[in-house]
Amino acid sequence: MYDLAAARHLLLTCGFNRRFAPFNQQLKALPDKRMLVAEKVREVGSQDPETAVFDLMIHMVDTGLFLLDEPLEHTSGRLTTTATGALAQGYLTVQTAHEQLEVITNMYGGVNLEQVTVQTTGQRASVTDLSTKTVMTTATTTTTAFPDWTPTLEKRGFAPLIRAFLTAVTTHGPNPVDPTGAITSHAVCRHLLSD
């Protein structure tokens, strides 16, 4: 699709809105990341593995990869299924020189939850459901939430992504979602399914 867009002189941006969610942007800015966990939990899911990985898990894969500050060195993972063939859980481990990312998808977790945690050399910061950020240090715990009236499209990163896309179109600027990163997220998911 990127090749087709380029041949037609069009800008194609993959809609990974979580990269643009304000609290995830704050996680990205943290220095000295070491351990990252991106998890998605569903109350009850009943999707086949391919659909679940590319419909749901890919968002946590992409968010985790986006938050890394170093090139990938190794990935491994596994999928478990129910007796009927639906995805039960998906696990992905990604290693860089100094960081480790764990992506967890649980399709039968009893709750609906999305949480990303970044541990640095000086703090632990978590974003829950893209709307609450908690930062822990040895001496303090601080929780920040969006005001109730903040539009969902702002909290979840859709509005910032759309604004970045329109700016890129208007100014002929760079793609707001680097195609290499978007392709990598898809390739990692494809590799997970092929294993």
C-alpha atoms as a PDB file:
ATOM      1  CA  MET A   1       0.000   0.000   0.000  1.00  0.00           C
ATOM      2  CA  TYR A   2       2.908   2.368   0.718  1.00  0.00           C
ATOM      3  CA  ASP A   3       4.356   1.630  -2.727  1.00  0.00           C
ATOM      4  CA  LEU A   4       0.977   2.279  -4.363  1.00  0.00           C
ATOM      5  CA  ALA A   5       0.602   5.581  -2.499  1.00  0.00           C
ATOM      6  CA  ALA A   6       4.113   6.652  -3.501  1.00  0.00           C
ATOM      7  CA  ALA A   7       3.451   5.754  -7.145  1.00  0.00           C
ATOM      8  CA  ARG A   8       0.376   7.977  -7.046  1.00  0.00           C
ATOM      9  CA  HIS A   9       2.208  10.768  -5.156  1.00  0.00           C
ATOM     10  CA  LEU A  10      -0.061  10.400  -2.156  1.00  0.00           C
ATOM     11  CA  LEU A  11       0.659  10.369   1.562  1.00  0.00           C
ATOM     12  CA  LEU A  12      -0.465   7.184   3.318  1.00  0.00           C
ATOM     13  CA  THR A  13      -0.426   7.233   7.111  1.00  0.00           C
ATOM     14  CA  CYS A  14      -1.140   4.139   9.189  1.00  0.00           C
ATOM     15  CA  GLY A  15      -3.638   4.994  11.921  1.00  0.00           C
ATOM     16  CA  PHE A  16      -1.614   4.048  14.979  1.00  0.00           C
ATOM     17  CA  ASN A  17      -3.353   6.647  17.127  1.00  0.00           C
ATOM     18  CA  ARG A  18      -1.813   5.435  20.397  1.00  0.00           C
ATOM     19  CA  ARG A  19       1.525   6.906  19.327  1.00  0.00           C
ATOM     20  CA  PHE A  20      -0.154  10.309  19.516  1.00  0.00           C
ATOM     21  CA  ALA A  21      -2.039   9.853  22.797  1.00  0.00           C
ATOM     22  CA  PRO A  22      -0.717  12.630  25.073  1.00  0.00           C
ATOM     23  CA  PHE A  23       0.199  10.367  27.986  1.00  0.00           C
ATOM     24  CA  ASN A  24       1.957   7.900  25.665  1.00  0.00           C
ATOM     25  CA  GLN A  25       3.898  10.836  24.232  1.00  0.00           C
ATOM     26  CA  GLN A  26       5.064  11.558  27.786  1.00  0.00           C
ATOM     27  CA  LEU A  27       6.169   7.934  28.186  1.00  0.00           C
ATOM     28  CA  LYS A  28       8.113   8.189  24.922  1.00  0.00           C
ATOM     29  CA  ALA A  29      10.009  11.214  26.272  1.00  0.00           C
ATOM     30  CA  LEU A  30      11.286   9.353  29.355  1.00  0.00           C
ATOM     31  CA  PRO A  31      15.049   8.768  29.313  1.00  0.00           C
ATOM     32  CA  ASP A  32      16.884   5.580  30.263  1.00  0.00           C
ATOM     33  CA  LYS A  33      14.052   3.135  29.621  1.00  0.00           C
ATOM     34  CA  ARG A  34      14.797  -0.430  30.704  1.00  0.00           C
ATOM     35  CA  MET A  35      11.617  -2.526  31.005  1.00  0.00           C
ATOM     36  CA  LEU A  36       8.384  -1.892  29.131  1.00  0.00           C
ATOM     37  CA  VAL A  37       5.119  -3.795  29.382  1.00  0.00           C
ATOM     38  CA  ALA A  38       2.193  -3.186  27.026  1.00  0.00           C
ATOM     39  CA  GLU A  39      -0.903  -5.185  27.827  1.00  0.00           C
ATOM     40  CA  LYS A  40      -4.401  -5.427  26.471  1.00  0.00           C
ATOM     41  CA  VAL A  41      -7.013  -7.401  28.383  1.00  0.00           C
ATOM     42  CA  ARG A  42     -10.486  -8.235  27.148  1.00  0.00           C
ATOM     43  CA  GLU A  43     -13.357  -9.392  29.304  1.00  0.00           C
ATOM     44  CA  VAL A  44     -14.307 -12.146  26.874  1.00  0.00           C
ATOM     45  CA  GLY A  45     -13.032 -12.449  23.325  1.00  0.00           C
ATOM     46  CA  SER A  46     -13.883 -14.912  20.600  1.00  0.00           C
ATOM     47  CA  GLN A  47     -11.705 -13.997  17.630  1.00  0.00           C
ATOM     48  CA  ASP A  48      -9.519 -16.336  15.613  1.00  0.00           C
ATOM     49  CA  PRO A  49      -5.780 -15.701  16.163  1.00  0.00           C
ATOM     50  CA  GLU A  50      -5.120 -13.783  12.943  1.00  0.00           C
ATOM     51  CA  THR A  51      -8.089 -11.460  13.426  1.00  0.00           C
ATOM     52  CA  ALA A  52      -7.271 -10.878  17.114  1.00  0.00           C
ATOM     53  CA  VAL A  53      -3.593 -10.206  16.443  1.00  0.00           C
ATOM     54  CA  PHE A  54      -4.234  -7.730  13.618  1.00  0.00           C
ATOM     55  CA  ASP A  55      -7.379  -6.185  15.139  1.00  0.00           C
ATOM     56  CA  LEU A  56      -6.312  -5.877  18.769  1.00  0.00           C
ATOM     57  CA  MET A  57      -2.817  -7.034  19.679  1.00  0.00           C
ATOM     58  CA  ILE A  58      -1.110  -5.006  16.943  1.00  0.00           C
ATOM     59  CA  HIS A  59      -1.946  -1.790  18.796  1.00  0.00           C
ATOM     60  CA  MET A  60       0.005  -2.893  21.865  1.00  0.00           C
ATOM     61  CA  VAL A  61       2.810  -4.225  19.663  1.00  0.00           C
ATOM     62  CA  ASP A  62       3.053  -0.895  17.842  1.00  0.00           C
ATOM     63  CA  THR A  63       2.804   1.170  21.031  1.00  0.00           C
ATOM     64  CA  GLY A  64       5.552  -0.874  22.666  1.00  0.00           C
ATOM     65  CA  LEU A  65       7.832  -0.685  19.627  1.00  0.00           C
ATOM     66  CA  PHE A  66       7.187   3.064  19.353  1.00  0.00           C
ATOM     67  CA  LEU A  67       8.245   3.573  22.975  1.00  0.00           C
ATOM     68  CA  LEU A  68      11.578   1.783  22.513  1.00  0.00           C
ATOM     69  CA  ASP A  69      14.589   4.024  21.977  1.00  0.00           C
ATOM     70  CA  GLU A  70      16.961   1.444  20.499  1.00  0.00           C
ATOM     71  CA  PRO A  71      16.884  -0.863  17.454  1.00  0.00           C
ATOM     72  CA  LEU A  72      15.337  -4.302  17.839  1.00  0.00           C
ATOM     73  CA  GLU A  73      17.833  -7.094  18.416  1.00  0.00           C
ATOM     74  CA  HIS A  74      15.585 -10.078  19.102  1.00  0.00           C
ATOM     75  CA  THR A  75      11.900 -10.973  19.194  1.00  0.00           C
ATOM     76  CA  SER A  76      10.125 -14.099  20.371  1.00  0.00           C
ATOM     77  CA  GLY A  77       6.567 -14.940  21.232  1.00  0.00           C
ATOM     78  CA  ARG A  78       3.749 -17.389  21.352  1.00  0.00           C
ATOM     79  CA  LEU A  79       0.002 -17.590  20.970  1.00  0.00           C
ATOM     80  CA  THR A  80      -2.342 -19.851  22.905  1.00  0.00           C
ATOM     81  CA  THR A  81      -5.803 -20.787  21.704  1.00  0.00           C
ATOM     82  CA  THR A  82      -9.012 -22.074  23.188  1.00  0.00           C
ATOM     83  CA  ALA A  83     -10.492 -25.492  22.420  1.00  0.00           C
ATOM     84  CA  THR A  84     -12.557 -23.826  19.671  1.00  0.00           C
ATOM     85  CA  GLY A  85      -9.501 -22.184  18.054  1.00  0.00           C
ATOM     86  CA  ALA A  86     -10.032 -18.637  19.292  1.00  0.00           C
ATOM     87  CA  LEU A  87      -7.041 -16.653  20.540  1.00  0.00           C
ATOM     88  CA  ALA A  88      -6.744 -17.027  24.316  1.00  0.00           C
ATOM     89  CA  GLN A  89      -3.482 -15.163  24.961  1.00  0.00           C
ATOM     90  CA  GLY A  90      -0.688 -13.632  22.941  1.00  0.00           C
ATOM     91  CA  TYR A  91       2.811 -12.990  24.255  1.00  0.00           C
ATOM     92  CA  LEU A  92       5.651 -11.101  22.584  1.00  0.00           C
ATOM     93  CA  THR A  93       9.121 -10.347  23.948  1.00  0.00           C
ATOM     94  CA  VAL A  94      11.312  -7.761  22.241  1.00  0.00           C
ATOM     95  CA  GLN A  95      14.898  -7.024  23.223  1.00  0.00           C
ATOM     96  CA  THR A  96      17.192  -4.142  22.363  1.00  0.00           C
ATOM     97  CA  ALA A  97      20.696  -3.514  23.721  1.00  0.00           C
ATOM     98  CA  HIS A  98      19.367  -2.115  27.022  1.00  0.00           C
ATOM     99  CA  GLU A  99      15.562  -2.431  26.907  1.00  0.00           C
ATOM    100  CA  GLN A 100      13.114  -5.288  27.112  1.00  0.00           C
ATOM    101  CA  LEU A 101       9.499  -5.056  25.978  1.00  0.00           C
ATOM    102  CA  GLU A 102       6.783  -7.508  26.946  1.00  0.00           C
ATOM    103  CA  VAL A 103       3.506  -7.346  25.016  1.00  0.00           C
ATOM    104  CA  ILE A 104       0.644  -9.303  26.540  1.00  0.00           C
ATOM    105  CA  THR A 105      -2.825  -9.795  25.123  1.00  0.00           C
ATOM    106  CA  ASN A 106      -5.355 -11.718  27.200  1.00  0.00           C
ATOM    107  CA  MET A 107      -8.643 -12.266  25.420  1.00  0.00           C
ATOM    108  CA  TYR A 108     -10.296 -13.888  28.467  1.00  0.00           C
ATOM    109  CA  GLY A 109      -9.205 -11.636  31.321  1.00  0.00           C
ATOM    110  CA  GLY A 110     -12.523 -10.779  32.925  1.00  0.00           C
ATOM    111  CA  VAL A 111     -11.995  -6.993  32.451  1.00  0.00           C
ATOM    112  CA  ASN A 112     -11.420  -4.547  29.620  1.00  0.00           C
ATOM    113  CA  LEU A 113      -8.049  -2.886  30.221  1.00  0.00           C
ATOM    114  CA  GLU A 114      -5.201  -1.321  28.311  1.00  0.00           C
ATOM    115  CA  GLN A 115      -2.062  -0.480  30.245  1.00  0.00           C
ATOM    116  CA  VAL A 116       1.463   0.492  29.267  1.00  0.00           C
ATOM    117  CA  THR A 117       4.231   0.618  31.866  1.00  0.00           C
ATOM    118  CA  VAL A 118       7.724   2.001  31.396  1.00  0.00           C
ATOM    119  CA  GLN A 119      10.430   1.442  33.980  1.00  0.00           C
ATOM    120  CA  THR A 120      13.455   3.714  33.770  1.00  0.00           C
ATOM    121  CA  THR A 121      16.510   3.972  35.975  1.00  0.00           C
ATOM    122  CA  GLY A 122      14.658   6.489  38.138  1.00  0.00           C
ATOM    123  CA  GLN A 123      10.910   5.871  37.963  1.00  0.00           C
ATOM    124  CA  ARG A 124       8.017   3.656  36.935  1.00  0.00           C
ATOM    125  CA  ALA A 125       5.323   5.298  34.813  1.00  0.00           C
ATOM    126  CA  SER A 126       2.055   3.679  33.712  1.00  0.00           C
ATOM    127  CA  VAL A 127      -0.701   4.835  31.395  1.00  0.00           C
ATOM    128  CA  THR A 128      -4.058   3.139  31.905  1.00  0.00           C
ATOM    129  CA  ASP A 129      -6.707   3.200  29.184  1.00  0.00           C
ATOM    130  CA  LEU A 130      -4.919   6.211  27.657  1.00  0.00           C
ATOM    131  CA  SER A 131      -6.639   8.464  30.209  1.00  0.00           C
ATOM    132  CA  THR A 132      -4.674   8.125  33.468  1.00  0.00           C
ATOM    133  CA  LYS A 133      -0.935   8.331  34.107  1.00  0.00           C
ATOM    134  CA  THR A 134       0.709   7.150  37.339  1.00  0.00           C
ATOM    135  CA  VAL A 135       4.357   7.866  38.122  1.00  0.00           C
ATOM    136  CA  MET A 136       6.080   6.108  41.000  1.00  0.00           C
ATOM    137  CA  THR A 137       9.477   6.833  42.543  1.00  0.00           C
ATOM    138  CA  THR A 138      10.918   5.578  45.808  1.00  0.00           C
ATOM    139  CA  ALA A 139       9.257   8.396  47.741  1.00  0.00           C
ATOM    140  CA  THR A 140       6.222   9.445  45.725  1.00  0.00           C
ATOM    141  CA  THR A 141       3.294   8.283  43.655  1.00  0.00           C
ATOM    142  CA  THR A 142       1.598  10.835  41.411  1.00  0.00           C
ATOM    143  CA  THR A 143      -1.548  10.184  39.386  1.00  0.00           C
ATOM    144  CA  THR A 144      -2.687  12.490  36.611  1.00  0.00           C
ATOM    145  CA  ALA A 145      -5.972  12.166  34.718  1.00  0.00           C
ATOM    146  CA  PHE A 146      -7.607  14.139  31.961  1.00  0.00           C
ATOM    147  CA  PRO A 147     -10.448  16.414  33.026  1.00  0.00           C
ATOM    148  CA  ASP A 148     -13.870  14.840  32.434  1.00  0.00           C
ATOM    149  CA  TRP A 149     -14.659  17.157  29.548  1.00  0.00           C
ATOM    150  CA  THR A 150     -11.550  16.255  27.514  1.00  0.00           C
ATOM    151  CA  PRO A 151     -12.777  14.784  24.222  1.00  0.00           C
ATOM    152  CA  THR A 152     -12.098  11.087  23.717  1.00  0.00           C
ATOM    153  CA  LEU A 153     -10.472  11.799  20.345  1.00  0.00           C
ATOM    154  CA  GLU A 154      -7.856  13.949  22.139  1.00  0.00           C
ATOM    155  CA  LYS A 155      -7.128  11.457  24.941  1.00  0.00           C
ATOM    156  CA  ARG A 156      -6.807   8.494  22.596  1.00  0.00           C
ATOM    157  CA  GLY A 157      -4.581  10.314  20.102  1.00  0.00           C
ATOM    158  CA  PHE A 158      -6.941  10.438  17.116  1.00  0.00           C
ATOM    159  CA  ALA A 159      -7.192  14.236  16.981  1.00  0.00           C
ATOM    160  CA  PRO A 160      -3.411  14.797  17.298  1.00  0.00           C
ATOM    161  CA  LEU A 161      -2.776  12.169  14.595  1.00  0.00           C
ATOM    162  CA  ILE A 162      -5.287  13.798  12.232  1.00  0.00           C
ATOM    163  CA  ARG A 163      -3.768  17.244  12.861  1.00  0.00           C
ATOM    164  CA  ALA A 164      -0.264  15.867  12.200  1.00  0.00           C
ATOM    165  CA  PHE A 165      -1.475  14.209   8.994  1.00  0.00           C
ATOM    166  CA  LEU A 166      -3.162  17.389   7.733  1.00  0.00           C
ATOM    167  CA  THR A 167      -0.028  19.402   8.531  1.00  0.00           C
ATOM    168  CA  ALA A 168       2.103  16.890   6.602  1.00  0.00           C
ATOM    169  CA  VAL A 169      -0.258  17.089   3.621  1.00  0.00           C
ATOM    170  CA  THR A 170      -0.350  20.887   3.708  1.00  0.00           C
ATOM    171  CA  THR A 171       3.397  21.393   4.144  1.00  0.00           C
ATOM    172  CA  HIS A 172       4.589  18.314   2.223  1.00  0.00           C
ATOM    173  CA  GLY A 173       6.242  17.325   5.477  1.00  0.00           C
ATOM    174  CA  PRO A 174       7.284  13.897   6.721  1.00  0.00           C
ATOM    175  CA  ASN A 175       4.783  11.135   7.346  1.00  0.00           C
ATOM    176  CA  PRO A 176       3.566  11.454  10.961  1.00  0.00           C
ATOM    177  CA  VAL A 177       3.727   7.654  11.315  1.00  0.00           C
ATOM    178  CA  ASP A 178       7.064   6.557   9.916  1.00  0.00           C
ATOM    179  CA  PRO A 179       6.281   3.851   7.328  1.00  0.00           C
ATOM    180  CA  THR A 180       9.282   1.788   8.448  1.00  0.00           C
ATOM    181  CA  GLY A 181       7.877   1.630  11.994  1.00  0.00           C
ATOM    182  CA  ALA A 182       4.372   0.789  10.805  1.00  0.00           C
ATOM    183  CA  ILE A 183       5.700  -1.966   8.536  1.00  0.00           C
ATOM    184  CA  THR A 184       7.826  -3.322  11.397  1.00  0.00           C
ATOM    185  CA  SER A 185       4.775  -3.544  13.669  1.00  0.00           C
ATOM    186  CA  HIS A 186       2.906  -5.494  10.993  1.00  0.00           C
ATOM    187  CA  ALA A 187       5.914  -7.717  10.265  1.00  0.00           C
ATOM    188  CA  VAL A 188       6.365  -8.569  13.955  1.00  0.00           C
ATOM    189  CA  CYS A 189       2.700  -9.577  14.153  1.00  0.00           C
ATOM    190  CA  ARG A 190       2.973 -11.648  10.977  1.00  0.00           C
ATOM    191  CA  HIS A 191       6.061 -13.374  12.384  1.00  0.00           C
ATOM    192  CA  LEU A 192       4.230 -14.080  15.645  1.00  0.00           C
ATOM    193  CA  LEU A 193       1.407 -15.736  13.708  1.00  0.00           C
ATOM    194  CA  SER A 194       3.771 -17.772  11.539  1.00  0.00           C
ATOM    195  CA  ASP A 195       5.547 -19.162  14.605  1.00  0.00           C
END
